């Protein structure tokens, strides 16, 4: 083999290895990606039951129901169009309260969202534009 053909084989091998590594990385990331959805999308069946997702919206006024054990909480999240009941077991963030933005991560089961993580939001700066617009419309018309 000439020096030029050795260099070409080395470049081809390097490109192949980098492509393989990139494909493995993307495959692993695909399993860990969690998509953000609204209560309307979940309630209308656009997301399969049992799929791990994040939902966002406002905690509906008067919907927080704390169980006697102090850890299990039921509440409803709304995006202005639909309301979704959420069940969570654990300690809630300090900013969690009625009519406040919330992001919950978990899965939908029989029209109840079973949250594994609840994050309270102090504003909608980090929310997708569509969700923030729906919440603004909900706040302007009132519950």
C-alpha atoms as a PDB file:
ATOM      1  CA  UNK A   1       0.000   0.000   0.000  1.00  0.00           C
ATOM      2  CA  UNK A   2       1.197   3.423  -0.823  1.00  0.00           C
ATOM      3  CA  UNK A   3       1.324   6.237   1.655  1.00  0.00           C
ATOM      4  CA  UNK A   4      -1.635   7.961  -0.031  1.00  0.00           C
ATOM      5  CA  UNK A   5      -3.858   4.846   0.116  1.00  0.00           C
ATOM      6  CA  UNK A   6      -2.934   4.275   3.797  1.00  0.00           C
ATOM      7  CA  UNK A   7      -3.985   7.829   4.598  1.00  0.00           C
ATOM      8  CA  UNK A   8      -7.247   7.361   2.684  1.00  0.00           C
ATOM      9  CA  UNK A   9      -8.003   4.130   4.548  1.00  0.00           C
ATOM     10  CA  UNK A  10      -7.278   5.839   7.883  1.00  0.00           C
ATOM     11  CA  UNK A  11      -9.610   8.735   7.019  1.00  0.00           C
ATOM     12  CA  UNK A  12     -12.363   6.331   5.916  1.00  0.00           C
ATOM     13  CA  UNK A  13     -11.970   4.290   9.128  1.00  0.00           C
ATOM     14  CA  UNK A  14     -12.083   7.466  11.257  1.00  0.00           C
ATOM     15  CA  UNK A  15     -15.224   8.713   9.524  1.00  0.00           C
ATOM     16  CA  UNK A  16     -16.855   5.305   9.986  1.00  0.00           C
ATOM     17  CA  UNK A  17     -16.014   5.197  13.687  1.00  0.00           C
ATOM     18  CA  UNK A  18     -17.265   8.747  14.263  1.00  0.00           C
ATOM     19  CA  UNK A  19     -20.509   7.982  12.407  1.00  0.00           C
ATOM     20  CA  UNK A  20     -21.031   4.832  14.468  1.00  0.00           C
ATOM     21  CA  UNK A  21     -20.382   6.703  17.715  1.00  0.00           C
ATOM     22  CA  UNK A  22     -22.803   9.472  16.707  1.00  0.00           C
ATOM     23  CA  UNK A  23     -25.531   6.940  15.864  1.00  0.00           C
ATOM     24  CA  UNK A  24     -25.073   5.183  19.214  1.00  0.00           C
ATOM     25  CA  UNK A  25     -25.233   8.503  21.042  1.00  0.00           C
ATOM     26  CA  UNK A  26     -28.401   9.587  19.235  1.00  0.00           C
ATOM     27  CA  UNK A  27     -30.023   6.210  19.897  1.00  0.00           C
ATOM     28  CA  UNK A  28     -29.298   6.479  23.614  1.00  0.00           C
ATOM     29  CA  UNK A  29     -30.561  10.068  23.770  1.00  0.00           C
ATOM     30  CA  UNK A  30     -33.814   9.197  21.994  1.00  0.00           C
ATOM     31  CA  UNK A  31     -34.787   6.951  24.915  1.00  0.00           C
ATOM     32  CA  UNK A  32     -34.142   9.745  27.425  1.00  0.00           C
ATOM     33  CA  UNK A  33     -35.891  12.620  25.639  1.00  0.00           C
ATOM     34  CA  UNK A  34     -39.064  13.762  27.402  1.00  0.00           C
ATOM     35  CA  UNK A  35     -41.447  15.894  25.358  1.00  0.00           C
ATOM     36  CA  UNK A  36     -43.423  18.845  26.742  1.00  0.00           C
ATOM     37  CA  UNK A  37     -47.195  18.567  26.232  1.00  0.00           C
ATOM     38  CA  UNK A  38     -50.295  20.502  27.265  1.00  0.00           C
ATOM     39  CA  UNK A  39     -53.310  19.049  29.093  1.00  0.00           C
ATOM     40  CA  UNK A  40     -55.339  19.473  25.883  1.00  0.00           C
ATOM     41  CA  UNK A  41     -52.913  17.260  23.933  1.00  0.00           C
ATOM     42  CA  UNK A  42     -53.054  14.555  26.588  1.00  0.00           C
ATOM     43  CA  UNK A  43     -56.840  14.638  27.001  1.00  0.00           C
ATOM     44  CA  UNK A  44     -57.521  14.511  23.248  1.00  0.00           C
ATOM     45  CA  UNK A  45     -55.430  11.363  22.823  1.00  0.00           C
ATOM     46  CA  UNK A  46     -52.529  12.864  20.868  1.00  0.00           C
ATOM     47  CA  UNK A  47     -50.178  11.111  23.300  1.00  0.00           C
ATOM     48  CA  UNK A  48     -50.413   7.371  23.983  1.00  0.00           C
ATOM     49  CA  UNK A  49     -51.340   6.315  27.507  1.00  0.00           C
ATOM     50  CA  UNK A  50     -48.249   5.349  29.509  1.00  0.00           C
ATOM     51  CA  UNK A  51     -45.858   7.553  27.494  1.00  0.00           C
ATOM     52  CA  UNK A  52     -43.402   9.459  29.706  1.00  0.00           C
ATOM     53  CA  UNK A  53     -43.995  13.195  29.092  1.00  0.00           C
ATOM     54  CA  UNK A  54     -43.871  16.600  30.738  1.00  0.00           C
ATOM     55  CA  UNK A  55     -47.038  18.642  31.068  1.00  0.00           C
ATOM     56  CA  UNK A  56     -47.259  22.317  31.830  1.00  0.00           C
ATOM     57  CA  UNK A  57     -49.942  24.774  32.769  1.00  0.00           C
ATOM     58  CA  UNK A  58     -51.523  26.471  35.748  1.00  0.00           C
ATOM     59  CA  UNK A  59     -52.630  24.810  38.961  1.00  0.00           C
ATOM     60  CA  UNK A  60     -56.396  25.271  38.914  1.00  0.00           C
ATOM     61  CA  UNK A  61     -57.834  27.341  41.749  1.00  0.00           C
ATOM     62  CA  UNK A  62     -59.392  25.227  44.505  1.00  0.00           C
ATOM     63  CA  UNK A  63     -58.067  21.960  43.089  1.00  0.00           C
ATOM     64  CA  UNK A  64     -55.279  21.082  45.549  1.00  0.00           C
ATOM     65  CA  UNK A  65     -56.247  18.083  47.700  1.00  0.00           C
ATOM     66  CA  UNK A  66     -53.629  16.891  50.187  1.00  0.00           C
ATOM     67  CA  UNK A  67     -54.065  13.376  51.590  1.00  0.00           C
ATOM     68  CA  UNK A  68     -53.809  12.748  55.358  1.00  0.00           C
ATOM     69  CA  UNK A  69     -50.368  11.120  54.994  1.00  0.00           C
ATOM     70  CA  UNK A  70     -49.026  14.515  53.929  1.00  0.00           C
ATOM     71  CA  UNK A  71     -47.123  13.213  50.909  1.00  0.00           C
ATOM     72  CA  UNK A  72     -49.794  12.335  48.352  1.00  0.00           C
ATOM     73  CA  UNK A  73     -51.337  15.317  46.591  1.00  0.00           C
ATOM     74  CA  UNK A  74     -54.032  15.547  43.930  1.00  0.00           C
ATOM     75  CA  UNK A  75     -54.473  18.730  41.878  1.00  0.00           C
ATOM     76  CA  UNK A  76     -55.624  19.809  38.435  1.00  0.00           C
ATOM     77  CA  UNK A  77     -53.514  21.473  35.756  1.00  0.00           C
ATOM     78  CA  UNK A  78     -55.141  23.591  33.065  1.00  0.00           C
ATOM     79  CA  UNK A  79     -53.940  25.203  29.860  1.00  0.00           C
ATOM     80  CA  UNK A  80     -57.117  27.238  29.451  1.00  0.00           C
ATOM     81  CA  UNK A  81     -58.865  24.689  27.235  1.00  0.00           C
ATOM     82  CA  UNK A  82     -58.760  21.429  29.176  1.00  0.00           C
ATOM     83  CA  UNK A  83     -58.052  20.421  32.758  1.00  0.00           C
ATOM     84  CA  UNK A  84     -56.045  17.345  33.708  1.00  0.00           C
ATOM     85  CA  UNK A  85     -56.043  15.749  37.186  1.00  0.00           C
ATOM     86  CA  UNK A  86     -52.540  15.065  38.524  1.00  0.00           C
ATOM     87  CA  UNK A  87     -51.489  12.667  41.292  1.00  0.00           C
ATOM     88  CA  UNK A  88     -48.116  13.180  42.966  1.00  0.00           C
ATOM     89  CA  UNK A  89     -46.452  11.536  45.953  1.00  0.00           C
ATOM     90  CA  UNK A  90     -43.595  13.476  47.465  1.00  0.00           C
ATOM     91  CA  UNK A  91     -42.620  16.874  48.758  1.00  0.00           C
ATOM     92  CA  UNK A  92     -43.832  19.761  46.605  1.00  0.00           C
ATOM     93  CA  UNK A  93     -41.622  22.766  45.799  1.00  0.00           C
ATOM     94  CA  UNK A  94     -42.031  25.915  47.901  1.00  0.00           C
ATOM     95  CA  UNK A  95     -43.385  27.912  44.935  1.00  0.00           C
ATOM     96  CA  UNK A  96     -46.211  25.405  44.310  1.00  0.00           C
ATOM     97  CA  UNK A  97     -49.646  27.006  44.812  1.00  0.00           C
ATOM     98  CA  UNK A  98     -52.967  27.643  43.102  1.00  0.00           C
ATOM     99  CA  UNK A  99     -53.028  29.713  39.895  1.00  0.00           C
ATOM    100  CA  UNK A 100     -49.255  29.318  39.572  1.00  0.00           C
ATOM    101  CA  UNK A 101     -47.348  27.790  36.675  1.00  0.00           C
ATOM    102  CA  UNK A 102     -46.287  24.176  37.098  1.00  0.00           C
ATOM    103  CA  UNK A 103     -44.440  21.532  35.093  1.00  0.00           C
ATOM    104  CA  UNK A 104     -45.037  17.882  35.980  1.00  0.00           C
ATOM    105  CA  UNK A 105     -43.153  14.911  34.580  1.00  0.00           C
ATOM    106  CA  UNK A 106     -44.714  11.456  34.481  1.00  0.00           C
ATOM    107  CA  UNK A 107     -47.259   9.468  32.482  1.00  0.00           C
ATOM    108  CA  UNK A 108     -50.985   9.458  31.790  1.00  0.00           C
ATOM    109  CA  UNK A 109     -52.968   6.518  33.146  1.00  0.00           C
ATOM    110  CA  UNK A 110     -56.780   6.317  32.912  1.00  0.00           C
ATOM    111  CA  UNK A 111     -57.249  10.092  32.514  1.00  0.00           C
ATOM    112  CA  UNK A 112     -55.076  10.822  35.600  1.00  0.00           C
ATOM    113  CA  UNK A 113     -51.518  12.053  35.182  1.00  0.00           C
ATOM    114  CA  UNK A 114     -49.178  10.224  37.594  1.00  0.00           C
ATOM    115  CA  UNK A 115     -46.358  12.672  38.226  1.00  0.00           C
ATOM    116  CA  UNK A 116     -42.909  11.545  39.294  1.00  0.00           C
ATOM    117  CA  UNK A 117     -41.538  15.104  39.439  1.00  0.00           C
ATOM    118  CA  UNK A 118     -43.278  18.447  40.007  1.00  0.00           C
ATOM    119  CA  UNK A 119     -41.559  21.762  39.298  1.00  0.00           C
ATOM    120  CA  UNK A 120     -43.171  25.056  40.283  1.00  0.00           C
ATOM    121  CA  UNK A 121     -42.665  27.953  37.907  1.00  0.00           C
ATOM    122  CA  UNK A 122     -42.561  31.574  38.965  1.00  0.00           C
ATOM    123  CA  UNK A 123     -43.249  32.775  35.417  1.00  0.00           C
ATOM    124  CA  UNK A 124     -43.649  31.532  31.870  1.00  0.00           C
ATOM    125  CA  UNK A 125     -40.283  32.755  30.523  1.00  0.00           C
ATOM    126  CA  UNK A 126     -39.069  29.210  29.855  1.00  0.00           C
ATOM    127  CA  UNK A 127     -42.327  27.777  28.563  1.00  0.00           C
ATOM    128  CA  UNK A 128     -42.980  27.095  24.876  1.00  0.00           C
ATOM    129  CA  UNK A 129     -44.675  30.031  23.127  1.00  0.00           C
ATOM    130  CA  UNK A 130     -47.856  28.072  22.450  1.00  0.00           C
ATOM    131  CA  UNK A 131     -48.324  27.097  26.103  1.00  0.00           C
ATOM    132  CA  UNK A 132     -47.536  30.612  27.340  1.00  0.00           C
ATOM    133  CA  UNK A 133     -50.066  32.076  24.868  1.00  0.00           C
ATOM    134  CA  UNK A 134     -52.745  29.613  26.022  1.00  0.00           C
ATOM    135  CA  UNK A 135     -52.088  30.531  29.661  1.00  0.00           C
ATOM    136  CA  UNK A 136     -52.230  34.266  28.888  1.00  0.00           C
ATOM    137  CA  UNK A 137     -55.586  33.750  27.171  1.00  0.00           C
ATOM    138  CA  UNK A 138     -56.836  31.737  30.148  1.00  0.00           C
ATOM    139  CA  UNK A 139     -55.748  34.420  32.628  1.00  0.00           C
ATOM    140  CA  UNK A 140     -57.327  37.219  30.585  1.00  0.00           C
ATOM    141  CA  UNK A 141     -60.751  35.549  30.364  1.00  0.00           C
ATOM    142  CA  UNK A 142     -60.700  34.393  34.005  1.00  0.00           C
ATOM    143  CA  UNK A 143     -61.694  30.984  35.353  1.00  0.00           C
END
